C-alpha atoms as a PDB file:
ATOM      1  CA  MET A   1       2.155 -68.273  -2.138  1.00  0.00           C
ATOM      2  CA  SER A   2       3.058 -70.665  -4.972  1.00  0.00           C
ATOM      3  CA  VAL A   3       0.674 -73.497  -5.832  1.00  0.00           C
ATOM      4  CA  VAL A   4       1.291 -76.211  -8.438  1.00  0.00           C
ATOM      5  CA  ARG A   5      -0.850 -79.116  -9.567  1.00  0.00           C
ATOM      6  CA  ALA A   6       0.775 -82.444  -8.742  1.00  0.00           C
ATOM      7  CA  ASN A   7      -0.827 -85.892  -8.632  1.00  0.00           C
ATOM      8  CA  GLY A   8      -4.261 -84.295  -8.963  1.00  0.00           C
ATOM      9  CA  LEU A   9      -3.792 -81.979  -5.965  1.00  0.00           C
ATOM     10  CA  SER A  10      -3.050 -78.321  -5.417  1.00  0.00           C
ATOM     11  CA  VAL A  11       0.316 -78.370  -3.653  1.00  0.00           C
ATOM     12  CA  HIS A  12       1.710 -75.341  -1.855  1.00  0.00           C
ATOM     13  CA  MET A  13       5.447 -74.996  -2.406  1.00  0.00           C
ATOM     14  CA  GLU A  14       8.199 -72.420  -2.039  1.00  0.00           C
ATOM     15  CA  GLN A  15      11.578 -72.131  -3.741  1.00  0.00           C
ATOM     16  CA  LEU A  16      14.840 -70.419  -2.882  1.00  0.00           C
ATOM     17  CA  VAL A  17      17.728 -70.017  -5.315  1.00  0.00           C
ATOM     18  CA  PRO A  18      21.403 -69.375  -4.559  1.00  0.00           C
ATOM     19  CA  PRO A  19      22.414 -65.715  -4.274  1.00  0.00           C
ATOM     20  CA  GLY A  20      23.051 -64.292  -7.725  1.00  0.00           C
ATOM     21  CA  ALA A  21      21.891 -67.464  -9.457  1.00  0.00           C
ATOM     22  CA  GLY A  22      19.133 -65.803 -11.470  1.00  0.00           C
ATOM     23  CA  SER A  23      17.743 -67.962 -14.234  1.00  0.00           C
ATOM     24  CA  GLY A  24      20.709 -70.341 -13.953  1.00  0.00           C
ATOM     25  CA  ALA A  25      19.438 -71.833 -10.696  1.00  0.00           C
ATOM     26  CA  ALA A  26      18.302 -75.020 -12.401  1.00  0.00           C
ATOM     27  CA  SER A  27      21.912 -75.884 -13.333  1.00  0.00           C
ATOM     28  CA  GLY A  28      23.036 -76.292  -9.703  1.00  0.00           C
ATOM     29  CA  PRO A  29      22.196 -79.009  -7.186  1.00  0.00           C
ATOM     30  CA  THR A  30      18.597 -79.234  -5.999  1.00  0.00           C
ATOM     31  CA  ALA A  31      17.550 -79.867  -2.398  1.00  0.00           C
ATOM     32  CA  VAL A  32      13.961 -80.943  -1.695  1.00  0.00           C
ATOM     33  CA  LEU A  33      12.851 -80.459   1.917  1.00  0.00           C
ATOM     34  CA  ILE A  34      10.065 -82.694   3.260  1.00  0.00           C
ATOM     35  CA  HIS A  35       8.394 -81.988   6.603  1.00  0.00           C
ATOM     36  CA  GLY A  36       6.752 -84.309   9.132  1.00  0.00           C
ATOM     37  CA  LEU A  37       3.180 -85.334   9.856  1.00  0.00           C
ATOM     38  CA  ALA A  38       0.065 -83.747  11.317  1.00  0.00           C
ATOM     39  CA  GLY A  39       1.281 -80.594  13.105  1.00  0.00           C
ATOM     40  CA  ASP A  40       4.143 -79.812  10.734  1.00  0.00           C
ATOM     41  CA  ASN A  41       4.470 -77.875   7.464  1.00  0.00           C
ATOM     42  CA  LEU A  42       7.179 -76.424   5.233  1.00  0.00           C
ATOM     43  CA  ALA A  43       7.805 -73.570   7.699  1.00  0.00           C
ATOM     44  CA  SER A  44       9.922 -75.887   9.856  1.00  0.00           C
ATOM     45  CA  TRP A  45      12.438 -76.047   7.005  1.00  0.00           C
ATOM     46  CA  TYR A  46      12.004 -72.445   5.882  1.00  0.00           C
ATOM     47  CA  LEU A  47      12.943 -71.220   9.367  1.00  0.00           C
ATOM     48  CA  SER A  48      15.888 -73.588   9.786  1.00  0.00           C
ATOM     49  CA  LEU A  49      17.884 -74.977   6.839  1.00  0.00           C
ATOM     50  CA  ALA A  50      16.316 -73.537   3.693  1.00  0.00           C
ATOM     51  CA  HIS A  51      18.297 -70.299   3.561  1.00  0.00           C
ATOM     52  CA  PRO A  52      21.653 -71.868   4.572  1.00  0.00           C
ATOM     53  CA  LEU A  53      21.204 -74.474   1.824  1.00  0.00           C
ATOM     54  CA  ALA A  54      20.469 -71.761  -0.737  1.00  0.00           C
ATOM     55  CA  ALA A  55      23.554 -69.854   0.444  1.00  0.00           C
ATOM     56  CA  ALA A  56      25.533 -73.078  -0.035  1.00  0.00           C
ATOM     57  CA  GLY A  57      24.540 -73.135  -3.716  1.00  0.00           C
ATOM     58  CA  PHE A  58      21.363 -75.248  -3.742  1.00  0.00           C
ATOM     59  CA  ARG A  59      18.114 -74.633  -5.499  1.00  0.00           C
ATOM     60  CA  VAL A  60      15.822 -75.299  -2.529  1.00  0.00           C
ATOM     61  CA  ILE A  61      12.293 -76.659  -2.939  1.00  0.00           C
ATOM     62  CA  MET A  62       9.933 -76.925   0.033  1.00  0.00           C
ATOM     63  CA  TYR A  63       6.346 -78.088  -0.091  1.00  0.00           C
ATOM     64  CA  ASP A  64       3.419 -78.832   2.205  1.00  0.00           C
ATOM     65  CA  LEU A  65       2.453 -82.493   2.214  1.00  0.00           C
ATOM     66  CA  ARG A  66      -1.098 -83.355   1.149  1.00  0.00           C
ATOM     67  CA  GLY A  67      -3.512 -82.398   3.905  1.00  0.00           C
ATOM     68  CA  HIS A  68      -0.957 -80.121   5.580  1.00  0.00           C
ATOM     69  CA  GLY A  69      -0.235 -76.410   5.579  1.00  0.00           C
ATOM     70  CA  ASN A  70      -1.674 -74.686   2.530  1.00  0.00           C
ATOM     71  CA  SER A  71      -1.790 -77.758   0.302  1.00  0.00           C
ATOM     72  CA  GLU A  72      -5.105 -79.331  -0.657  1.00  0.00           C
ATOM     73  CA  ARG A  73      -6.629 -81.555   2.032  1.00  0.00           C
ATOM     74  CA  PRO A  74      -8.433 -84.540   0.481  1.00  0.00           C
ATOM     75  CA  PRO A  75     -10.416 -86.562   3.017  1.00  0.00           C
ATOM     76  CA  GLU A  76      -8.673 -89.824   2.025  1.00  0.00           C
ATOM     77  CA  GLY A  77      -5.461 -91.009   0.403  1.00  0.00           C
ATOM     78  CA  TYR A  78      -2.679 -90.900   3.009  1.00  0.00           C
ATOM     79  CA  THR A  79      -0.606 -94.028   2.478  1.00  0.00           C
ATOM     80  CA  LEU A  80       3.148 -93.930   1.975  1.00  0.00           C
ATOM     81  CA  ASP A  81       2.601 -94.542  -1.744  1.00  0.00           C
ATOM     82  CA  ASP A  82       0.379 -91.452  -1.924  1.00  0.00           C
ATOM     83  CA  PHE A  83       3.101 -89.277  -0.381  1.00  0.00           C
ATOM     84  CA  VAL A  84       5.796 -90.737  -2.649  1.00  0.00           C
ATOM     85  CA  ASP A  85       3.567 -90.278  -5.706  1.00  0.00           C
ATOM     86  CA  ASP A  86       3.049 -86.635  -4.712  1.00  0.00           C
ATOM     87  CA  LEU A  87       6.807 -86.040  -4.510  1.00  0.00           C
ATOM     88  CA  ALA A  88       7.398 -87.657  -7.902  1.00  0.00           C
ATOM     89  CA  ALA A  89       4.612 -85.580  -9.461  1.00  0.00           C
ATOM     90  CA  LEU A  90       5.875 -82.360  -7.883  1.00  0.00           C
ATOM     91  CA  LEU A  91       9.363 -82.873  -9.308  1.00  0.00           C
ATOM     92  CA  ALA A  92       7.853 -83.553 -12.725  1.00  0.00           C
ATOM     93  CA  ALA A  93       5.659 -80.446 -12.514  1.00  0.00           C
ATOM     94  CA  LEU A  94       8.725 -78.333 -11.661  1.00  0.00           C
ATOM     95  CA  ASP A  95      10.761 -79.954 -14.448  1.00  0.00           C
ATOM     96  CA  VAL A  96      13.390 -81.235 -12.003  1.00  0.00           C
ATOM     97  CA  THR A  97      15.166 -83.939 -13.981  1.00  0.00           C
ATOM     98  CA  GLY A  98      18.558 -84.461 -12.335  1.00  0.00           C
ATOM     99  CA  PRO A  99      19.331 -86.346  -9.115  1.00  0.00           C
ATOM    100  CA  VAL A 100      18.105 -84.429  -6.064  1.00  0.00           C
ATOM    101  CA  HIS A 101      19.215 -84.157  -2.463  1.00  0.00           C
ATOM    102  CA  LEU A 102      16.260 -85.150  -0.275  1.00  0.00           C
ATOM    103  CA  LEU A 103      16.064 -83.810   3.273  1.00  0.00           C
ATOM    104  CA  GLY A 104      13.271 -85.119   5.477  1.00  0.00           C
ATOM    105  CA  ASN A 105      12.220 -84.305   9.014  1.00  0.00           C
ATOM    106  CA  SER A 106      10.546 -87.162  10.922  1.00  0.00           C
ATOM    107  CA  PHE A 107       8.099 -88.834   8.504  1.00  0.00           C
ATOM    108  CA  GLY A 108       9.552 -86.640   5.754  1.00  0.00           C
ATOM    109  CA  GLY A 109      12.698 -88.759   5.926  1.00  0.00           C
ATOM    110  CA  THR A 110      10.570 -91.856   5.425  1.00  0.00           C
ATOM    111  CA  VAL A 111       9.040 -90.325   2.303  1.00  0.00           C
ATOM    112  CA  ALA A 112      12.558 -89.570   1.057  1.00  0.00           C
ATOM    113  CA  VAL A 113      13.653 -93.190   1.497  1.00  0.00           C
ATOM    114  CA  GLY A 114      10.410 -94.447  -0.042  1.00  0.00           C
ATOM    115  CA  TYR A 115      11.081 -92.285  -3.096  1.00  0.00           C
ATOM    116  CA  ALA A 116      14.714 -93.445  -3.291  1.00  0.00           C
ATOM    117  CA  ALA A 117      13.681 -97.108  -3.045  1.00  0.00           C
ATOM    118  CA  ARG A 118      11.433 -96.567  -6.062  1.00  0.00           C
ATOM    119  CA  HIS A 119      13.689 -94.163  -8.004  1.00  0.00           C
ATOM    120  CA  PRO A 120      17.291 -94.776  -6.855  1.00  0.00           C
ATOM    121  CA  GLU A 121      18.761 -93.091  -9.914  1.00  0.00           C
ATOM    122  CA  ARG A 122      16.930 -89.835  -9.074  1.00  0.00           C
ATOM    123  CA  VAL A 123      18.469 -89.322  -5.610  1.00  0.00           C
ATOM    124  CA  ALA A 124      21.946 -87.874  -4.996  1.00  0.00           C
ATOM    125  CA  ALA A 125      21.815 -87.991  -1.184  1.00  0.00           C
ATOM    126  CA  ILE A 126      19.393 -88.322   1.729  1.00  0.00           C
ATOM    127  CA  VAL A 127      19.423 -86.391   5.005  1.00  0.00           C
ATOM    128  CA  ALA A 128      16.913 -87.692   7.549  1.00  0.00           C
ATOM    129  CA  VAL A 129      16.324 -85.854  10.836  1.00  0.00           C
ATOM    130  CA  GLU A 130      14.686 -87.898  13.600  1.00  0.00           C
ATOM    131  CA  SER A 131      13.406 -90.445  11.122  1.00  0.00           C
ATOM    132  CA  SER A 132      13.543 -94.027   9.935  1.00  0.00           C
ATOM    133  CA  PRO A 133      13.309 -95.937   6.672  1.00  0.00           C
ATOM    134  CA  PRO A 134       9.794 -97.304   5.985  1.00  0.00           C
ATOM    135  CA  THR A 135       9.958-100.410   8.170  1.00  0.00           C
ATOM    136  CA  ALA A 136       7.209-102.235  10.044  1.00  0.00           C
ATOM    137  CA  ALA A 137       8.691-101.188  13.404  1.00  0.00           C
ATOM    138  CA  TRP A 138       8.633 -97.508  12.442  1.00  0.00           C
ATOM    139  CA  PHE A 139       5.106 -97.634  11.067  1.00  0.00           C
ATOM    140  CA  GLU A 140       3.881 -99.351  14.219  1.00  0.00           C
ATOM    141  CA  ARG A 141       5.380 -96.514  16.242  1.00  0.00           C
ATOM    142  CA  VAL A 142       3.862 -93.861  13.965  1.00  0.00           C
ATOM    143  CA  ALA A 143       0.473 -95.603  14.162  1.00  0.00           C
ATOM    144  CA  ARG A 144       0.563 -95.558  17.974  1.00  0.00           C
ATOM    145  CA  ARG A 145       1.379 -91.864  18.025  1.00  0.00           C
ATOM    146  CA  LEU A 146      -1.359 -91.019  15.534  1.00  0.00           C
ATOM    147  CA  ASP A 147      -3.906 -93.074  17.475  1.00  0.00           C
ATOM    148  CA  ALA A 148      -2.936 -91.373  20.727  1.00  0.00           C
ATOM    149  CA  ALA A 149      -3.142 -87.938  19.131  1.00  0.00           C
ATOM    150  CA  ALA A 150      -6.533 -88.700  17.579  1.00  0.00           C
ATOM    151  CA  GLU A 151      -7.815 -89.840  20.984  1.00  0.00           C
ATOM    152  CA  HIS A 152      -6.448 -87.045  23.170  1.00  0.00           C
ATOM    153  CA  LEU A 153      -6.135 -83.885  21.077  1.00  0.00           C
ATOM    154  CA  PRO A 154      -9.910 -83.337  20.661  1.00  0.00           C
ATOM    155  CA  HIS A 155     -10.029 -82.516  24.383  1.00  0.00           C
ATOM    156  CA  ASP A 156      -9.391 -78.848  25.124  1.00  0.00           C
ATOM    157  CA  HIS A 157      -7.809 -79.597  28.497  1.00  0.00           C
ATOM    158  CA  VAL A 158      -5.122 -81.598  26.717  1.00  0.00           C
ATOM    159  CA  LEU A 159      -4.251 -78.612  24.539  1.00  0.00           C
ATOM    160  CA  ALA A 160      -4.220 -76.393  27.624  1.00  0.00           C
ATOM    161  CA  ARG A 161      -1.783 -78.775  29.327  1.00  0.00           C
ATOM    162  CA  ILE A 162       0.462 -78.842  26.261  1.00  0.00           C
ATOM    163  CA  SER A 163       0.505 -75.047  26.219  1.00  0.00           C
ATOM    164  CA  ALA A 164       1.341 -74.847  29.943  1.00  0.00           C
ATOM    165  CA  GLU A 165       4.054 -77.501  29.847  1.00  0.00           C
ATOM    166  CA  ARG A 166       5.640 -77.001  26.436  1.00  0.00           C
ATOM    167  CA  GLY A 167       4.716 -73.497  25.313  1.00  0.00           C
ATOM    168  CA  GLU A 168       2.490 -71.858  22.744  1.00  0.00           C
ATOM    169  CA  ARG A 169       4.416 -73.135  19.738  1.00  0.00           C
ATOM    170  CA  ALA A 170       3.805 -76.735  20.756  1.00  0.00           C
ATOM    171  CA  SER A 171       0.174 -75.898  21.458  1.00  0.00           C
ATOM    172  CA  ARG A 172      -0.288 -74.436  17.961  1.00  0.00           C
ATOM    173  CA  ARG A 173       1.196 -77.545  16.383  1.00  0.00           C
ATOM    174  CA  ALA A 174      -1.117 -79.711  18.476  1.00  0.00           C
ATOM    175  CA  ARG A 175      -4.161 -77.726  17.331  1.00  0.00           C
ATOM    176  CA  VAL A 176      -3.121 -78.109  13.702  1.00  0.00           C
ATOM    177  CA  ALA A 177      -2.594 -81.857  14.203  1.00  0.00           C
ATOM    178  CA  ARG A 178      -6.086 -82.102  15.705  1.00  0.00           C
ATOM    179  CA  GLU A 179      -7.567 -80.456  12.608  1.00  0.00           C
ATOM    180  CA  VAL A 180      -5.652 -82.702  10.189  1.00  0.00           C
ATOM    181  CA  LEU A 181      -6.580 -85.892  12.031  1.00  0.00           C
ATOM    182  CA  ALA A 182     -10.234 -84.884  12.302  1.00  0.00           C
ATOM    183  CA  ALA A 183     -10.562 -83.958   8.631  1.00  0.00           C
ATOM    184  CA  THR A 184      -8.636 -86.818   6.997  1.00  0.00           C
ATOM    185  CA  SER A 185      -8.116 -90.572   7.064  1.00  0.00           C
ATOM    186  CA  LEU A 186      -4.405 -90.132   7.866  1.00  0.00           C
ATOM    187  CA  ALA A 187      -4.496 -92.145  11.101  1.00  0.00           C
ATOM    188  CA  ARG A 188      -6.268 -95.007   9.318  1.00  0.00           C
ATOM    189  CA  ASP A 189      -4.465 -94.940   5.968  1.00  0.00           C
ATOM    190  CA  LEU A 190      -0.848 -94.624   6.992  1.00  0.00           C
ATOM    191  CA  PRO A 191      -0.662 -97.811   9.106  1.00  0.00           C
ATOM    192  CA  ALA A 192      -2.181 -99.713   6.162  1.00  0.00           C
ATOM    193  CA  SER A 193       0.591 -98.570   3.811  1.00  0.00           C
ATOM    194  CA  ARG A 194       2.326-100.982   1.503  1.00  0.00           C
ATOM    195  CA  LEU A 195       5.974-100.867   2.528  1.00  0.00           C
ATOM    196  CA  PRO A 196       8.886-101.334   0.129  1.00  0.00           C
ATOM    197  CA  ALA A 197      10.741-104.622   0.430  1.00  0.00           C
ATOM    198  CA  GLU A 198      13.804-104.377   2.641  1.00  0.00           C
ATOM    199  CA  GLU A 199      15.901-105.405  -0.360  1.00  0.00           C
ATOM    200  CA  ARG A 200      14.795-102.229  -2.168  1.00  0.00           C
ATOM    201  CA  ILE A 201      15.849-100.086   0.795  1.00  0.00           C
ATOM    202  CA  ALA A 202      19.172-101.907   1.153  1.00  0.00           C
ATOM    203  CA  ALA A 203      19.820-101.337  -2.551  1.00  0.00           C
ATOM    204  CA  ILE A 204      19.927 -97.542  -2.051  1.00  0.00           C
ATOM    205  CA  ARG A 205      23.506 -96.542  -2.820  1.00  0.00           C
ATOM    206  CA  CYS A 206      23.461 -92.777  -2.418  1.00  0.00           C
ATOM    207  CA  PRO A 207      25.086 -91.271   0.707  1.00  0.00           C
ATOM    208  CA  THR A 208      22.709 -90.990   3.670  1.00  0.00           C
ATOM    209  CA  LEU A 209      22.906 -88.990   6.889  1.00  0.00           C
ATOM    210  CA  TRP A 210      20.697 -89.777   9.886  1.00  0.00           C
ATOM    211  CA  LEU A 211      20.510 -87.180  12.644  1.00  0.00           C
ATOM    212  CA  TYR A 212      18.942 -87.868  16.048  1.00  0.00           C
ATOM    213  CA  GLY A 213      18.407 -86.158  19.363  1.00  0.00           C
ATOM    214  CA  GLY A 214      19.973 -88.102  22.196  1.00  0.00           C
ATOM    215  CA  CYS A 215      16.855 -87.731  24.370  1.00  0.00           C
ATOM    216  CA  SER A 216      14.423 -88.756  21.625  1.00  0.00           C
ATOM    217  CA  ALA A 217      12.822 -92.185  21.549  1.00  0.00           C
ATOM    218  CA  VAL A 218      13.358 -92.281  17.779  1.00  0.00           C
ATOM    219  CA  VAL A 219      17.103 -92.785  18.281  1.00  0.00           C
ATOM    220  CA  ASP A 220      16.234 -96.349  19.334  1.00  0.00           C
ATOM    221  CA  LEU A 221      15.653 -97.056  15.634  1.00  0.00           C
ATOM    222  CA  ALA A 222      19.210 -96.160  14.632  1.00  0.00           C
ATOM    223  CA  PRO A 223      20.302 -99.854  14.694  1.00  0.00           C
ATOM    224  CA  GLU A 224      17.612-100.572  12.080  1.00  0.00           C
ATOM    225  CA  VAL A 225      19.078 -97.843   9.902  1.00  0.00           C
ATOM    226  CA  ARG A 226      22.533 -99.359  10.291  1.00  0.00           C
ATOM    227  CA  ARG A 227      21.207-102.841   9.470  1.00  0.00           C
ATOM    228  CA  LEU A 228      19.501-101.724   6.278  1.00  0.00           C
ATOM    229  CA  LEU A 229      22.034 -99.077   5.225  1.00  0.00           C
ATOM    230  CA  PRO A 230      25.409-100.122   6.644  1.00  0.00           C
ATOM    231  CA  ASP A 231      27.246 -97.206   5.016  1.00  0.00           C
ATOM    232  CA  ALA A 232      24.930 -94.607   6.550  1.00  0.00           C
ATOM    233  CA  ARG A 233      26.370 -91.796   8.642  1.00  0.00           C
ATOM    234  CA  ILE A 234      24.496 -91.630  11.957  1.00  0.00           C
ATOM    235  CA  VAL A 235      24.920 -88.609  14.253  1.00  0.00           C
ATOM    236  CA  THR A 236      23.351 -88.212  17.692  1.00  0.00           C
ATOM    237  CA  VAL A 237      23.208 -84.805  19.396  1.00  0.00           C
ATOM    238  CA  PRO A 238      23.201 -85.205  23.188  1.00  0.00           C
ATOM    239  CA  GLY A 239      20.396 -83.608  25.163  1.00  0.00           C
ATOM    240  CA  GLN A 240      18.088 -82.982  22.193  1.00  0.00           C
ATOM    241  CA  ARG A 241      14.577 -84.255  21.573  1.00  0.00           C
ATOM    242  CA  HIS A 242      12.459 -85.054  18.516  1.00  0.00           C
ATOM    243  CA  SER A 243      12.102 -81.317  17.804  1.00  0.00           C
ATOM    244  CA  ILE A 244      15.852 -80.828  17.229  1.00  0.00           C
ATOM    245  CA  LEU A 245      15.332 -79.233  13.793  1.00  0.00           C
ATOM    246  CA  ILE A 246      13.334 -76.386  15.352  1.00  0.00           C
ATOM    247  CA  ASP A 247      15.155 -76.243  18.691  1.00  0.00           C
ATOM    248  CA  GLN A 248      18.723 -76.332  17.362  1.00  0.00           C
ATOM    249  CA  PRO A 249      18.703 -75.154  13.728  1.00  0.00           C
ATOM    250  CA  ALA A 250      22.332 -73.934  13.828  1.00  0.00           C
ATOM    251  CA  THR A 251      23.529 -77.315  15.075  1.00  0.00           C
ATOM    252  CA  VAL A 252      21.559 -79.157  12.409  1.00  0.00           C
ATOM    253  CA  ARG A 253      22.793 -76.715   9.758  1.00  0.00           C
ATOM    254  CA  ASP A 254      26.447 -77.219  10.581  1.00  0.00           C
ATOM    255  CA  ILE A 255      26.205 -81.004  10.758  1.00  0.00           C
ATOM    256  CA  VAL A 256      24.278 -81.231   7.480  1.00  0.00           C
ATOM    257  CA  LEU A 257      26.393 -78.777   5.479  1.00  0.00           C
ATOM    258  CA  SER A 258      29.630 -80.332   6.727  1.00  0.00           C
ATOM    259  CA  TRP A 259      28.393 -83.780   5.717  1.00  0.00           C
ATOM    260  CA  LEU A 260      27.187 -82.596   2.320  1.00  0.00           C
ATOM    261  CA  ARG A 261      30.621 -81.120   1.603  1.00  0.00           C
ATOM    262  CA  ARG A 262      32.544 -84.169   2.819  1.00  0.00           C
ATOM    263  CA  ASP A 263      30.389 -87.135   1.796  1.00  0.00           C
ATOM    264  CA  SER A 264      28.293 -85.778  -1.063  1.00  0.00           C
ATOM    265  CA  GLY A 265      30.866 -83.719  -2.916  1.00  0.00           C
ATOM    266  CA  VAL A 266      28.936 -80.452  -2.526  1.00  0.00           C
ATOM    267  CA  HIS A 267      31.172 -77.384  -2.566  1.00  0.00           C
ATOM    268  CA  PRO A 268      30.401 -74.252  -0.507  1.00  0.00           C
ATOM    269  CA  GLY A 269      28.384 -71.693  -2.416  1.00  0.00           C
ATOM    270  CA  PRO A 270      29.426 -68.040  -2.721  1.00  0.00           C
ATOM    271  CA  GLY A 271      26.870 -66.981  -0.126  1.00  0.00           C
ATOM    272  CA  GLU A 272      27.658 -69.614   2.496  1.00  0.00           C
ATOM    273  CA  ALA A 273      30.487 -67.862   4.315  1.00  0.00           C
ATOM    274  CA  ALA A 274      28.470 -64.671   4.629  1.00  0.00           C
ATOM    275  CA  ALA A 275      25.424 -66.593   5.852  1.00  0.00           C
ATOM    276  CA  ALA A 276      27.488 -68.341   8.512  1.00  0.00           C
ATOM    277  CA  ARG A 277      28.572 -64.945   9.872  1.00  0.00           C
ATOM    278  CA  ASP A 278      24.971 -63.744  10.160  1.00  0.00           C
ATOM    279  CA  GLY A 279      23.296 -63.582  13.567  1.00  0.00           C
ATOM    280  CA  ARG A 280      23.837 -65.750  16.620  1.00  0.00           C
ATOM    281  CA  ASP A 281      24.349 -69.025  14.825  1.00  0.00           C
ATOM    282  CA  GLN A 282      27.399 -70.549  16.493  1.00  0.00           C
ATOM    283  CA  PRO A 283      26.770 -74.229  17.252  1.00  0.00           C
ATOM    284  CA  PRO A 284      27.197 -75.852  20.654  1.00  0.00           C
ATOM    285  CA  SER A 285      29.740 -78.591  21.312  1.00  0.00           C
ATOM    286  CA  PRO A 286      30.237 -81.074  18.453  1.00  0.00           C
ATOM    287  CA  ALA A 287      27.608 -83.776  18.204  1.00  0.00           C
ATOM    288  CA  ALA A 288      28.388 -87.286  19.302  1.00  0.00           C
ATOM    289  CA  SER A 289      28.363 -89.680  16.377  1.00  0.00           C
ATOM    290  CA  HIS A 290      28.445 -93.393  15.776  1.00  0.00           C
END
């Protein structure tokens, strides 16, 4: 386990380098993977896109957000600015100086956009899975979900129902979310966040990809993405829910890597073709896009 000090916290992070890169890894493109809130941690990226991105030639950095996974869990300090400050400090601690590709799942995509609004020159591209820019509508939705989780997850019968209806993996994530919400001010701090002005978001000029599940309520926010970022690429995968990154990693991989090659000028790495031949990773029918 790797731990670095960033923004006054002990932050758990992991890195992958391209095959055969050795000490020259820092010269290639860097992808920073940011997970979602409460029940999530860097494992959702490690088990899905981290290795394909490394095979494609990226130096891959994953980290647990403050209060999550194996990172330090302060009782307070969970506004959007806190999360963006942590990302900036982590990149400084790792001596990452060039523009980075930011990939965020759910709230992780919001952190990515928040960082890009503050440091546009430091971001080469953004990939957001089931996410939204930091807008009032999105934060109201996140606040409702956090409030509901804080109210219901302390009850054991709720966890038992989640396990019966959605499986043990969902139950484990719910238990972790219960611990995070009970031990921190996340549910109180995040809705009180200072949001970047819409003009700062609209000024982001790097390529952006927004990926949604067709059966997820978050896809309703896609028009807001289009309004703020009219050049964004928005892809919707029919039949998928908010957990598309975990449920359909091969589909997400192929959409993301194809977009990175076409829209972001990233060339396939020497290990990518071999990685694509590994295992049962053929994607389903092409995603619907708009």
